[in-house]
Amino acid sequence: MEVATTSIIVPLCFAALVTGAIQSLSTPWGLFRHYWVIVKLLLTLLSAAVLLLHTQPIRAMAERAVSAPLAPTDYVGQRVQLVVASAGALGICLIATVLSIYKPRGLTRYGWRKTQIAN
């Protein structure tokens, strides 16, 4: 779990953040022109922060699992915390995907000014 988290999941999370920002700057939607893009950016930042906060509990559970077999009643609180965090991350991914597909209307003030200047 620890190796997968630190060498795959965390770098891919930051890659998603960086590539999303770069792609938004090269599209007509822009980074700050539409509310849905800003919401996706904030969701990605939130998920990155939560992921970084949960790397320690993941590391601790991995160390405990290596040292001795875990009984079903061991560390129930931490197990529930990790499952809830994973479910929350899945929910954030689903919301971001829906926003990407449907692209709800709504320009920010900056986006509205940019469209007025372009016209």
PDB file of N, CA and C in Angstrom:
ATOM      1  N   MET A   1       0.831  -1.195   0.000  1.00  0.00           N
ATOM      2  CA  MET A   1       0.000   0.000   0.000  1.00  0.00           C
ATOM      3  C   MET A   1       0.872   1.254   0.000  1.00  0.00           C
ATOM      4  N   GLU A   2       1.908   1.243   0.829  1.00  0.00           N
ATOM      5  CA  GLU A   2       2.748   2.431   0.934  1.00  0.00           C
ATOM      6  C   GLU A   2       3.481   2.713  -0.371  1.00  0.00           C
ATOM      7  N   VAL A   3       4.022   1.669  -0.987  1.00  0.00           N
ATOM      8  CA  VAL A   3       4.758   1.846  -2.239  1.00  0.00           C
ATOM      9  C   VAL A   3       3.831   2.361  -3.331  1.00  0.00           C
ATOM     10  N   ALA A   4       2.653   1.792  -3.433  1.00  0.00           N
ATOM     11  CA  ALA A   4       1.694   2.235  -4.448  1.00  0.00           C
ATOM     12  C   ALA A   4       1.277   3.683  -4.205  1.00  0.00           C
ATOM     13  N   THR A   5       1.092   4.040  -2.946  1.00  0.00           N
ATOM     14  CA  THR A   5       0.670   5.405  -2.630  1.00  0.00           C
ATOM     15  C   THR A   5       1.756   6.414  -2.953  1.00  0.00           C
ATOM     16  N   THR A   6       2.973   6.154  -2.477  1.00  0.00           N
ATOM     17  CA  THR A   6       4.031   7.158  -2.636  1.00  0.00           C
ATOM     18  C   THR A   6       4.632   7.200  -4.031  1.00  0.00           C
ATOM     19  N   SER A   7       4.641   6.074  -4.735  1.00  0.00           N
ATOM     20  CA  SER A   7       5.298   6.081  -6.039  1.00  0.00           C
ATOM     21  C   SER A   7       4.336   6.179  -7.221  1.00  0.00           C
ATOM     22  N   ILE A   8       3.056   5.929  -6.988  1.00  0.00           N
ATOM     23  CA  ILE A   8       2.108   5.973  -8.104  1.00  0.00           C
ATOM     24  C   ILE A   8       0.997   6.994  -7.861  1.00  0.00           C
ATOM     25  N   ILE A   9       0.277   6.859  -6.762  1.00  0.00           N
ATOM     26  CA  ILE A   9      -0.929   7.664  -6.554  1.00  0.00           C
ATOM     27  C   ILE A   9      -0.600   9.139  -6.325  1.00  0.00           C
ATOM     28  N   VAL A  10       0.345   9.437  -5.451  1.00  0.00           N
ATOM     29  CA  VAL A  10       0.686  10.838  -5.171  1.00  0.00           C
ATOM     30  C   VAL A  10       1.241  11.535  -6.419  1.00  0.00           C
ATOM     31  N   PRO A  11       2.212  10.947  -7.146  1.00  0.00           N
ATOM     32  CA  PRO A  11       2.670  11.626  -8.364  1.00  0.00           C
ATOM     33  C   PRO A  11       1.576  11.809  -9.411  1.00  0.00           C
ATOM     34  N   LEU A  12       0.697  10.819  -9.558  1.00  0.00           N
ATOM     35  CA  LEU A  12      -0.387  10.974 -10.527  1.00  0.00           C
ATOM     36  C   LEU A  12      -1.383  12.050 -10.111  1.00  0.00           C
ATOM     37  N   CYS A  13      -1.570  12.211  -8.814  1.00  0.00           N
ATOM     38  CA  CYS A  13      -2.451  13.276  -8.327  1.00  0.00           C
ATOM     39  C   CYS A  13      -1.898  14.643  -8.712  1.00  0.00           C
ATOM     40  N   PHE A  14      -0.605  14.836  -8.491  1.00  0.00           N
ATOM     41  CA  PHE A  14       0.003  16.116  -8.864  1.00  0.00           C
ATOM     42  C   PHE A  14       0.101  16.281 -10.379  1.00  0.00           C
ATOM     43  N   ALA A  15       0.277  15.188 -11.096  1.00  0.00           N
ATOM     44  CA  ALA A  15       0.276  15.262 -12.557  1.00  0.00           C
ATOM     45  C   ALA A  15      -1.091  15.693 -13.068  1.00  0.00           C
ATOM     46  N   ALA A  16      -2.155  15.191 -12.437  1.00  0.00           N
ATOM     47  CA  ALA A  16      -3.507  15.603 -12.824  1.00  0.00           C
ATOM     48  C   ALA A  16      -3.707  17.093 -12.584  1.00  0.00           C
ATOM     49  N   LEU A  17      -3.202  17.588 -11.481  1.00  0.00           N
ATOM     50  CA  LEU A  17      -3.315  19.014 -11.163  1.00  0.00           C
ATOM     51  C   LEU A  17      -2.572  19.863 -12.189  1.00  0.00           C
ATOM     52  N   VAL A  18      -1.332  19.494 -12.479  1.00  0.00           N
ATOM     53  CA  VAL A  18      -0.512  20.280 -13.406  1.00  0.00           C
ATOM     54  C   VAL A  18      -1.051  20.195 -14.829  1.00  0.00           C
ATOM     55  N   THR A  19      -1.349  19.000 -15.298  1.00  0.00           N
ATOM     56  CA  THR A  19      -1.833  18.874 -16.668  1.00  0.00           C
ATOM     57  C   THR A  19      -3.204  19.512 -16.848  1.00  0.00           C
ATOM     58  N   GLY A  20      -4.037  19.443 -15.815  1.00  0.00           N
ATOM     59  CA  GLY A  20      -5.342  20.108 -15.904  1.00  0.00           C
ATOM     60  C   GLY A  20      -5.199  21.611 -16.033  1.00  0.00           C
ATOM     61  N   ALA A  21      -4.301  22.194 -15.259  1.00  0.00           N
ATOM     62  CA  ALA A  21      -4.075  23.643 -15.350  1.00  0.00           C
ATOM     63  C   ALA A  21      -3.505  24.021 -16.711  1.00  0.00           C
ATOM     64  N   ILE A  22      -2.557  23.250 -17.205  1.00  0.00           N
ATOM     65  CA  ILE A  22      -1.958  23.544 -18.512  1.00  0.00           C
ATOM     66  C   ILE A  22      -2.993  23.406 -19.627  1.00  0.00           C
ATOM     67  N   GLN A  23      -3.777  22.341 -19.579  1.00  0.00           N
ATOM     68  CA  GLN A  23      -4.791  22.149 -20.613  1.00  0.00           C
ATOM     69  C   GLN A  23      -5.855  23.239 -20.579  1.00  0.00           C
ATOM     70  N   SER A  24      -6.230  23.673 -19.391  1.00  0.00           N
ATOM     71  CA  SER A  24      -7.263  24.701 -19.317  1.00  0.00           C
ATOM     72  C   SER A  24      -6.770  26.016 -19.906  1.00  0.00           C
ATOM     73  N   LEU A  25      -5.484  26.278 -19.801  1.00  0.00           N
ATOM     74  CA  LEU A  25      -4.945  27.512 -20.367  1.00  0.00           C
ATOM     75  C   LEU A  25      -4.880  27.465 -21.886  1.00  0.00           C
ATOM     76  N   SER A  26      -4.899  26.265 -22.456  1.00  0.00           N
ATOM     77  CA  SER A  26      -4.812  26.150 -23.905  1.00  0.00           C
ATOM     78  C   SER A  26      -6.162  25.865 -24.564  1.00  0.00           C
ATOM     79  N   THR A  27      -7.249  25.965 -23.818  1.00  0.00           N
ATOM     80  CA  THR A  27      -8.575  25.720 -24.378  1.00  0.00           C
ATOM     81  C   THR A  27      -9.396  26.998 -24.324  1.00  0.00           C
ATOM     82  N   PRO A  28     -10.512  27.041 -25.032  1.00  0.00           N
ATOM     83  CA  PRO A  28     -11.361  28.227 -24.982  1.00  0.00           C
ATOM     84  C   PRO A  28     -11.998  28.448 -23.605  1.00  0.00           C
ATOM     85  N   TRP A  29     -12.021  27.420 -22.756  1.00  0.00           N
ATOM     86  CA  TRP A  29     -12.649  27.577 -21.448  1.00  0.00           C
ATOM     87  C   TRP A  29     -11.752  28.336 -20.478  1.00  0.00           C
ATOM     88  N   GLY A  30     -10.467  28.265 -20.647  1.00  0.00           N
ATOM     89  CA  GLY A  30      -9.545  29.003 -19.785  1.00  0.00           C
ATOM     90  C   GLY A  30      -9.555  28.491 -18.352  1.00  0.00           C
ATOM     91  N   LEU A  31      -8.642  29.006 -17.557  1.00  0.00           N
ATOM     92  CA  LEU A  31      -8.522  28.554 -16.174  1.00  0.00           C
ATOM     93  C   LEU A  31      -9.483  29.287 -15.247  1.00  0.00           C
ATOM     94  N   PHE A  32      -9.735  30.555 -15.510  1.00  0.00           N
ATOM     95  CA  PHE A  32     -10.594  31.344 -14.611  1.00  0.00           C
ATOM     96  C   PHE A  32     -11.802  31.944 -15.311  1.00  0.00           C
ATOM     97  N   ARG A  33     -12.148  31.461 -16.495  1.00  0.00           N
ATOM     98  CA  ARG A  33     -13.274  32.041 -17.235  1.00  0.00           C
ATOM     99  C   ARG A  33     -14.625  31.442 -16.878  1.00  0.00           C
ATOM    100  N   HIS A  34     -14.644  30.172 -16.499  1.00  0.00           N
ATOM    101  CA  HIS A  34     -15.898  29.482 -16.196  1.00  0.00           C
ATOM    102  C   HIS A  34     -15.857  28.931 -14.780  1.00  0.00           C
ATOM    103  N   TYR A  35     -17.007  28.964 -14.130  1.00  0.00           N
ATOM    104  CA  TYR A  35     -17.089  28.481 -12.753  1.00  0.00           C
ATOM    105  C   TYR A  35     -16.774  26.993 -12.646  1.00  0.00           C
ATOM    106  N   TRP A  36     -17.206  26.209 -13.628  1.00  0.00           N
ATOM    107  CA  TRP A  36     -17.001  24.772 -13.533  1.00  0.00           C
ATOM    108  C   TRP A  36     -15.518  24.415 -13.571  1.00  0.00           C
ATOM    109  N   VAL A  37     -14.706  25.197 -14.280  1.00  0.00           N
ATOM    110  CA  VAL A  37     -13.268  24.938 -14.319  1.00  0.00           C
ATOM    111  C   VAL A  37     -12.648  25.254 -12.954  1.00  0.00           C
ATOM    112  N   ILE A  38     -13.104  26.334 -12.351  1.00  0.00           N
ATOM    113  CA  ILE A  38     -12.600  26.699 -11.025  1.00  0.00           C
ATOM    114  C   ILE A  38     -12.996  25.647  -9.998  1.00  0.00           C
ATOM    115  N   VAL A  39     -14.234  25.148 -10.098  1.00  0.00           N
ATOM    116  CA  VAL A  39     -14.686  24.102  -9.168  1.00  0.00           C
ATOM    117  C   VAL A  39     -13.828  22.855  -9.335  1.00  0.00           C
ATOM    118  N   LYS A  40     -13.542  22.472 -10.589  1.00  0.00           N
ATOM    119  CA  LYS A  40     -12.684  21.306 -10.811  1.00  0.00           C
ATOM    120  C   LYS A  40     -11.286  21.527 -10.243  1.00  0.00           C
ATOM    121  N   LEU A  41     -10.759  22.720 -10.400  1.00  0.00           N
ATOM    122  CA  LEU A  41      -9.435  23.032  -9.853  1.00  0.00           C
ATOM    123  C   LEU A  41      -9.451  22.921  -8.334  1.00  0.00           C
ATOM    124  N   LEU A  42     -10.477  23.480  -7.707  1.00  0.00           N
ATOM    125  CA  LEU A  42     -10.578  23.410  -6.249  1.00  0.00           C
ATOM    126  C   LEU A  42     -10.770  21.979  -5.766  1.00  0.00           C
ATOM    127  N   LEU A  43     -11.563  21.185  -6.482  1.00  0.00           N
ATOM    128  CA  LEU A  43     -11.741  19.780  -6.115  1.00  0.00           C
ATOM    129  C   LEU A  43     -10.426  19.011  -6.228  1.00  0.00           C
ATOM    130  N   THR A  44      -9.648  19.300  -7.261  1.00  0.00           N
ATOM    131  CA  THR A  44      -8.364  18.624  -7.427  1.00  0.00           C
ATOM    132  C   THR A  44      -7.396  19.033  -6.324  1.00  0.00           C
ATOM    133  N   LEU A  45      -7.376  20.317  -5.973  1.00  0.00           N
ATOM    134  CA  LEU A  45      -6.530  20.767  -4.868  1.00  0.00           C
ATOM    135  C   LEU A  45      -6.948  20.132  -3.548  1.00  0.00           C
ATOM    136  N   LEU A  46      -8.252  20.066  -3.315  1.00  0.00           N
ATOM    137  CA  LEU A  46      -8.766  19.436  -2.102  1.00  0.00           C
ATOM    138  C   LEU A  46      -8.387  17.964  -2.040  1.00  0.00           C
ATOM    139  N   SER A  47      -8.550  17.266  -3.147  1.00  0.00           N
ATOM    140  CA  SER A  47      -8.212  15.839  -3.145  1.00  0.00           C
ATOM    141  C   SER A  47      -6.719  15.621  -2.962  1.00  0.00           C
ATOM    142  N   ALA A  48      -5.883  16.503  -3.507  1.00  0.00           N
ATOM    143  CA  ALA A  48      -4.435  16.378  -3.300  1.00  0.00           C
ATOM    144  C   ALA A  48      -4.083  16.595  -1.831  1.00  0.00           C
ATOM    145  N   ALA A  49      -4.709  17.584  -1.210  1.00  0.00           N
ATOM    146  CA  ALA A  49      -4.441  17.844   0.207  1.00  0.00           C
ATOM    147  C   ALA A  49      -4.881  16.675   1.085  1.00  0.00           C
ATOM    148  N   VAL A  50      -6.071  16.141   0.812  1.00  0.00           N
ATOM    149  CA  VAL A  50      -6.566  15.006   1.597  1.00  0.00           C
ATOM    150  C   VAL A  50      -5.680  13.786   1.382  1.00  0.00           C
ATOM    151  N   LEU A  51      -5.230  13.584   0.159  1.00  0.00           N
ATOM    152  CA  LEU A  51      -4.339  12.463  -0.122  1.00  0.00           C
ATOM    153  C   LEU A  51      -3.046  12.592   0.680  1.00  0.00           C
ATOM    154  N   LEU A  52      -2.477  13.789   0.704  1.00  0.00           N
ATOM    155  CA  LEU A  52      -1.236  13.985   1.465  1.00  0.00           C
ATOM    156  C   LEU A  52      -1.460  13.780   2.959  1.00  0.00           C
ATOM    157  N   LEU A  53      -2.621  14.174   3.455  1.00  0.00           N
ATOM    158  CA  LEU A  53      -2.930  13.952   4.871  1.00  0.00           C
ATOM    159  C   LEU A  53      -3.098  12.474   5.192  1.00  0.00           C
ATOM    160  N   HIS A  54      -3.552  11.702   4.232  1.00  0.00           N
ATOM    161  CA  HIS A  54      -3.821  10.284   4.484  1.00  0.00           C
ATOM    162  C   HIS A  54      -2.654   9.370   4.132  1.00  0.00           C
ATOM    163  N   THR A  55      -1.543   9.917   3.691  1.00  0.00           N
ATOM    164  CA  THR A  55      -0.396   9.047   3.436  1.00  0.00           C
ATOM    165  C   THR A  55       0.176   8.486   4.732  1.00  0.00           C
ATOM    166  N   GLN A  56       0.115   9.242   5.820  1.00  0.00           N
ATOM    167  CA  GLN A  56       0.611   8.735   7.110  1.00  0.00           C
ATOM    168  C   GLN A  56      -0.230   7.571   7.632  1.00  0.00           C
ATOM    169  N   PRO A  57      -1.553   7.680   7.674  1.00  0.00           N
ATOM    170  CA  PRO A  57      -2.339   6.513   8.108  1.00  0.00           C
ATOM    171  C   PRO A  57      -2.155   5.302   7.189  1.00  0.00           C
ATOM    172  N   ILE A  58      -1.987   5.538   5.899  1.00  0.00           N
ATOM    173  CA  ILE A  58      -1.755   4.421   4.980  1.00  0.00           C
ATOM    174  C   ILE A  58      -0.427   3.757   5.314  1.00  0.00           C
ATOM    175  N   ARG A  59       0.595   4.575   5.539  1.00  0.00           N
ATOM    176  CA  ARG A  59       1.907   4.046   5.900  1.00  0.00           C
ATOM    177  C   ARG A  59       1.831   3.266   7.216  1.00  0.00           C
ATOM    178  N   ALA A  60       1.122   3.795   8.204  1.00  0.00           N
ATOM    179  CA  ALA A  60       1.005   3.122   9.501  1.00  0.00           C
ATOM    180  C   ALA A  60       0.285   1.787   9.361  1.00  0.00           C
ATOM    181  N   MET A  61      -0.794   1.751   8.594  1.00  0.00           N
ATOM    182  CA  MET A  61      -1.515   0.494   8.400  1.00  0.00           C
ATOM    183  C   MET A  61      -0.663  -0.522   7.646  1.00  0.00           C
ATOM    184  N   ALA A  62       0.118  -0.055   6.685  1.00  0.00           N
ATOM    185  CA  ALA A  62       0.989  -0.968   5.943  1.00  0.00           C
ATOM    186  C   ALA A  62       2.051  -1.565   6.861  1.00  0.00           C
ATOM    187  N   GLU A  63       2.630  -0.741   7.740  1.00  0.00           N
ATOM    188  CA  GLU A  63       3.634  -1.248   8.679  1.00  0.00           C
ATOM    189  C   GLU A  63       3.026  -2.267   9.646  1.00  0.00           C
ATOM    190  N   ARG A  64       1.821  -1.986  10.122  1.00  0.00           N
ATOM    191  CA  ARG A  64       1.157  -2.924  11.035  1.00  0.00           C
ATOM    192  C   ARG A  64       0.818  -4.237  10.337  1.00  0.00           C
ATOM    193  N   ALA A  65       0.396  -4.152   9.104  1.00  0.00           N
ATOM    194  CA  ALA A  65       0.022  -5.362   8.369  1.00  0.00           C
ATOM    195  C   ALA A  65       1.242  -6.225   8.071  1.00  0.00           C
ATOM    196  N   VAL A  66       2.400  -5.595   7.881  1.00  0.00           N
ATOM    197  CA  VAL A  66       3.616  -6.357   7.619  1.00  0.00           C
ATOM    198  C   VAL A  66       4.124  -7.033   8.889  1.00  0.00           C
ATOM    199  N   SER A  67       4.003  -6.332  10.019  1.00  0.00           N
ATOM    200  CA  SER A  67       4.557  -6.858  11.269  1.00  0.00           C
ATOM    201  C   SER A  67       3.788  -8.065  11.798  1.00  0.00           C
ATOM    202  N   ALA A  68       2.493  -8.074  11.629  1.00  0.00           N
ATOM    203  CA  ALA A  68       1.692  -9.193  12.138  1.00  0.00           C
ATOM    204  C   ALA A  68       0.356  -9.216  11.404  1.00  0.00           C
ATOM    205  N   PRO A  69      -0.239 -10.378  11.271  1.00  0.00           N
ATOM    206  CA  PRO A  69      -1.564 -10.455  10.637  1.00  0.00           C
ATOM    207  C   PRO A  69      -2.585  -9.655  11.453  1.00  0.00           C
ATOM    208  N   LEU A  70      -3.436  -8.951  10.752  1.00  0.00           N
ATOM    209  CA  LEU A  70      -4.445  -8.134  11.421  1.00  0.00           C
ATOM    210  C   LEU A  70      -5.736  -8.929  11.588  1.00  0.00           C
ATOM    211  N   ALA A  71      -6.269  -8.857  12.785  1.00  0.00           N
ATOM    212  CA  ALA A  71      -7.575  -9.460  13.049  1.00  0.00           C
ATOM    213  C   ALA A  71      -8.656  -8.500  12.560  1.00  0.00           C
ATOM    214  N   PRO A  72      -9.846  -9.003  12.270  1.00  0.00           N
ATOM    215  CA  PRO A  72     -10.923  -8.124  11.796  1.00  0.00           C
ATOM    216  C   PRO A  72     -11.256  -6.985  12.769  1.00  0.00           C
ATOM    217  N   THR A  73     -10.961  -7.143  14.047  1.00  0.00           N
ATOM    218  CA  THR A  73     -11.299  -6.109  15.010  1.00  0.00           C
ATOM    219  C   THR A  73     -10.136  -5.154  15.289  1.00  0.00           C
ATOM    220  N   ASP A  74      -8.978  -5.371  14.673  1.00  0.00           N
ATOM    221  CA  ASP A  74      -7.826  -4.498  14.892  1.00  0.00           C
ATOM    222  C   ASP A  74      -7.969  -3.206  14.091  1.00  0.00           C
ATOM    223  N   TYR A  75      -7.692  -2.094  14.741  1.00  0.00           N
ATOM    224  CA  TYR A  75      -7.613  -0.780  14.087  1.00  0.00           C
ATOM    225  C   TYR A  75      -8.860  -0.449  13.269  1.00  0.00           C
ATOM    226  N   VAL A  76      -9.983  -0.705  13.839  1.00  0.00           N
ATOM    227  CA  VAL A  76     -11.250  -0.477  13.124  1.00  0.00           C
ATOM    228  C   VAL A  76     -11.408   1.000  12.758  1.00  0.00           C
ATOM    229  N   GLY A  77     -11.048   1.887  13.674  1.00  0.00           N
ATOM    230  CA  GLY A  77     -11.188   3.318  13.411  1.00  0.00           C
ATOM    231  C   GLY A  77     -10.376   3.772  12.216  1.00  0.00           C
ATOM    232  N   GLN A  78      -9.117   3.341  12.159  1.00  0.00           N
ATOM    233  CA  GLN A  78      -8.274   3.735  11.026  1.00  0.00           C
ATOM    234  C   GLN A  78      -8.742   3.090   9.725  1.00  0.00           C
ATOM    235  N   ARG A  79      -9.213   1.867   9.802  1.00  0.00           N
ATOM    236  CA  ARG A  79      -9.721   1.214   8.603  1.00  0.00           C
ATOM    237  C   ARG A  79     -10.941   1.941   8.062  1.00  0.00           C
ATOM    238  N   VAL A  80     -11.833   2.315   8.950  1.00  0.00           N
ATOM    239  CA  VAL A  80     -13.027   3.054   8.525  1.00  0.00           C
ATOM    240  C   VAL A  80     -12.629   4.406   7.943  1.00  0.00           C
ATOM    241  N   GLN A  81     -11.676   5.073   8.574  1.00  0.00           N
ATOM    242  CA  GLN A  81     -11.201   6.365   8.081  1.00  0.00           C
ATOM    243  C   GLN A  81     -10.649   6.231   6.663  1.00  0.00           C
ATOM    244  N   LEU A  82      -9.867   5.208   6.397  1.00  0.00           N
ATOM    245  CA  LEU A  82      -9.299   5.017   5.069  1.00  0.00           C
ATOM    246  C   LEU A  82     -10.372   4.685   4.032  1.00  0.00           C
ATOM    247  N   VAL A  83     -11.364   3.902   4.429  1.00  0.00           N
ATOM    248  CA  VAL A  83     -12.445   3.570   3.498  1.00  0.00           C
ATOM    249  C   VAL A  83     -13.290   4.809   3.191  1.00  0.00           C
ATOM    250  N   VAL A  84     -13.590   5.599   4.211  1.00  0.00           N
ATOM    251  CA  VAL A  84     -14.383   6.821   3.998  1.00  0.00           C
ATOM    252  C   VAL A  84     -13.614   7.804   3.126  1.00  0.00           C
ATOM    253  N   ALA A  85     -12.326   7.950   3.371  1.00  0.00           N
ATOM    254  CA  ALA A  85     -11.508   8.852   2.551  1.00  0.00           C
ATOM    255  C   ALA A  85     -11.451   8.371   1.105  1.00  0.00           C
ATOM    256  N   SER A  86     -11.345   7.079   0.902  1.00  0.00           N
ATOM    257  CA  SER A  86     -11.328   6.531  -0.458  1.00  0.00           C
ATOM    258  C   SER A  86     -12.661   6.751  -1.156  1.00  0.00           C
ATOM    259  N   ALA A  87     -13.748   6.559  -0.433  1.00  0.00           N
ATOM    260  CA  ALA A  87     -15.074   6.800  -1.012  1.00  0.00           C
ATOM    261  C   ALA A  87     -15.256   8.281  -1.346  1.00  0.00           C
ATOM    262  N   GLY A  88     -14.773   9.153  -0.481  1.00  0.00           N
ATOM    263  CA  GLY A  88     -14.833  10.590  -0.762  1.00  0.00           C
ATOM    264  C   GLY A  88     -14.029  10.964  -1.993  1.00  0.00           C
ATOM    265  N   ALA A  89     -12.854  10.357  -2.139  1.00  0.00           N
ATOM    266  CA  ALA A  89     -12.032  10.618  -3.316  1.00  0.00           C
ATOM    267  C   ALA A  89     -12.726  10.144  -4.583  1.00  0.00           C
ATOM    268  N   LEU A  90     -13.377   9.003  -4.505  1.00  0.00           N
ATOM    269  CA  LEU A  90     -14.133   8.507  -5.653  1.00  0.00           C
ATOM    270  C   LEU A  90     -15.272   9.468  -5.998  1.00  0.00           C
ATOM    271  N   GLY A  91     -15.949   9.984  -4.982  1.00  0.00           N
ATOM    272  CA  GLY A  91     -17.010  10.964  -5.215  1.00  0.00           C
ATOM    273  C   GLY A  91     -16.487  12.229  -5.873  1.00  0.00           C
ATOM    274  N   ILE A  92     -15.334  12.702  -5.436  1.00  0.00           N
ATOM    275  CA  ILE A  92     -14.726  13.898  -6.038  1.00  0.00           C
ATOM    276  C   ILE A  92     -14.382  13.629  -7.496  1.00  0.00           C
ATOM    277  N   CYS A  93     -13.836  12.456  -7.784  1.00  0.00           N
ATOM    278  CA  CYS A  93     -13.516  12.096  -9.177  1.00  0.00           C
ATOM    279  C   CYS A  93     -14.771  12.058 -10.042  1.00  0.00           C
ATOM    280  N   LEU A  94     -15.846  11.516  -9.505  1.00  0.00           N
ATOM    281  CA  LEU A  94     -17.101  11.457 -10.260  1.00  0.00           C
ATOM    282  C   LEU A  94     -17.660  12.853 -10.529  1.00  0.00           C
ATOM    283  N   ILE A  95     -17.594  13.728  -9.532  1.00  0.00           N
ATOM    284  CA  ILE A  95     -18.077  15.104  -9.716  1.00  0.00           C
ATOM    285  C   ILE A  95     -17.243  15.815 -10.777  1.00  0.00           C
ATOM    286  N   ALA A  96     -15.927  15.654 -10.711  1.00  0.00           N
ATOM    287  CA  ALA A  96     -15.053  16.285 -11.704  1.00  0.00           C
ATOM    288  C   ALA A  96     -15.338  15.748 -13.105  1.00  0.00           C
ATOM    289  N   THR A  97     -15.604  14.468 -13.204  1.00  0.00           N
ATOM    290  CA  THR A  97     -15.920  13.874 -14.508  1.00  0.00           C
ATOM    291  C   THR A  97     -17.234  14.428 -15.057  1.00  0.00           C
ATOM    292  N   VAL A  98     -18.232  14.526 -14.206  1.00  0.00           N
ATOM    293  CA  VAL A  98     -19.525  15.081 -14.641  1.00  0.00           C
ATOM    294  C   VAL A  98     -19.356  16.530 -15.091  1.00  0.00           C
ATOM    295  N   LEU A  99     -18.580  17.314 -14.350  1.00  0.00           N
ATOM    296  CA  LEU A  99     -18.337  18.695 -14.748  1.00  0.00           C
ATOM    297  C   LEU A  99     -17.629  18.763 -16.096  1.00  0.00           C
ATOM    298  N   SER A 100     -16.702  17.856 -16.345  1.00  0.00           N
ATOM    299  CA  SER A 100     -15.981  17.843 -17.617  1.00  0.00           C
ATOM    300  C   SER A 100     -16.879  17.477 -18.783  1.00  0.00           C
ATOM    301  N   ILE A 101     -17.835  16.611 -18.539  1.00  0.00           N
ATOM    302  CA  ILE A 101     -18.706  16.161 -19.621  1.00  0.00           C
ATOM    303  C   ILE A 101     -19.788  17.197 -19.923  1.00  0.00           C
ATOM    304  N   TYR A 102     -20.451  17.702 -18.903  1.00  0.00           N
ATOM    305  CA  TYR A 102     -21.599  18.584 -19.119  1.00  0.00           C
ATOM    306  C   TYR A 102     -21.256  20.066 -19.225  1.00  0.00           C
ATOM    307  N   LYS A 103     -20.140  20.499 -18.679  1.00  0.00           N
ATOM    308  CA  LYS A 103     -19.678  21.881 -18.757  1.00  0.00           C
ATOM    309  C   LYS A 103     -20.829  22.882 -18.519  1.00  0.00           C
ATOM    310  N   PRO A 104     -21.294  22.984 -17.276  1.00  0.00           N
ATOM    311  CA  PRO A 104     -22.403  23.897 -17.003  1.00  0.00           C
ATOM    312  C   PRO A 104     -22.066  25.339 -17.366  1.00  0.00           C
ATOM    313  N   ARG A 105     -23.094  26.055 -17.725  1.00  0.00           N
ATOM    314  CA  ARG A 105     -22.900  27.459 -18.096  1.00  0.00           C
ATOM    315  C   ARG A 105     -22.555  28.279 -16.868  1.00  0.00           C
ATOM    316  N   GLY A 106     -22.030  29.442 -17.110  1.00  0.00           N
ATOM    317  CA  GLY A 106     -21.731  30.364 -16.038  1.00  0.00           C
ATOM    318  C   GLY A 106     -20.326  30.917 -16.159  1.00  0.00           C
ATOM    319  N   LEU A 107     -20.247  32.141 -16.632  1.00  0.00           N
ATOM    320  CA  LEU A 107     -18.958  32.805 -16.751  1.00  0.00           C
ATOM    321  C   LEU A 107     -18.628  33.545 -15.465  1.00  0.00           C
ATOM    322  N   THR A 108     -17.363  33.579 -15.135  1.00  0.00           N
ATOM    323  CA  THR A 108     -16.916  34.415 -14.025  1.00  0.00           C
ATOM    324  C   THR A 108     -16.859  35.857 -14.521  1.00  0.00           C
ATOM    325  N   ARG A 109     -16.615  36.793 -13.639  1.00  0.00           N
ATOM    326  CA  ARG A 109     -16.482  38.190 -14.072  1.00  0.00           C
ATOM    327  C   ARG A 109     -15.323  38.333 -15.048  1.00  0.00           C
ATOM    328  N   TYR A 110     -14.240  37.655 -14.756  1.00  0.00           N
ATOM    329  CA  TYR A 110     -13.076  37.687 -15.635  1.00  0.00           C
ATOM    330  C   TYR A 110     -13.442  37.134 -17.014  1.00  0.00           C
ATOM    331  N   GLY A 111     -14.144  36.006 -17.062  1.00  0.00           N
ATOM    332  CA  GLY A 111     -14.551  35.407 -18.325  1.00  0.00           C
ATOM    333  C   GLY A 111     -15.508  36.296 -19.085  1.00  0.00           C
ATOM    334  N   TRP A 112     -16.404  36.947 -18.373  1.00  0.00           N
ATOM    335  CA  TRP A 112     -17.360  37.837 -19.037  1.00  0.00           C
ATOM    336  C   TRP A 112     -16.622  39.017 -19.678  1.00  0.00           C
ATOM    337  N   ARG A 113     -15.658  39.595 -18.938  1.00  0.00           N
ATOM    338  CA  ARG A 113     -14.871  40.699 -19.502  1.00  0.00           C
ATOM    339  C   ARG A 113     -14.083  40.265 -20.723  1.00  0.00           C
ATOM    340  N   LYS A 114     -13.508  39.072 -20.662  1.00  0.00           N
ATOM    341  CA  LYS A 114     -12.738  38.567 -21.806  1.00  0.00           C
ATOM    342  C   LYS A 114     -13.618  38.401 -23.038  1.00  0.00           C
ATOM    343  N   THR A 115     -14.853  37.936 -22.866  1.00  0.00           N
ATOM    344  CA  THR A 115     -15.736  37.776 -24.013  1.00  0.00           C
ATOM    345  C   THR A 115     -16.190  39.116 -24.549  1.00  0.00           C
ATOM    346  N   GLN A 116     -16.363  40.112 -23.694  1.00  0.00           N
ATOM    347  CA  GLN A 116     -16.767  41.442 -24.141  1.00  0.00           C
ATOM    348  C   GLN A 116     -15.627  42.113 -24.915  1.00  0.00           C
ATOM    349  N   ILE A 117     -14.400  41.915 -24.470  1.00  0.00           N
ATOM    350  CA  ILE A 117     -13.250  42.501 -25.150  1.00  0.00           C
ATOM    351  C   ILE A 117     -13.048  41.824 -26.510  1.00  0.00           C
ATOM    352  N   ALA A 118     -13.254  40.504 -26.575  1.00  0.00           N
ATOM    353  CA  ALA A 118     -13.063  39.765 -27.821  1.00  0.00           C
ATOM    354  C   ALA A 118     -14.117  40.139 -28.862  1.00  0.00           C
ATOM    355  N   ASN A 119     -15.316  40.508 -28.402  1.00  0.00           N
ATOM    356  CA  ASN A 119     -16.391  40.853 -29.337  1.00  0.00           C
ATOM    357  C   ASN A 119     -16.271  42.299 -29.680  1.00  0.00           C
TER     358      ASN A 119
END
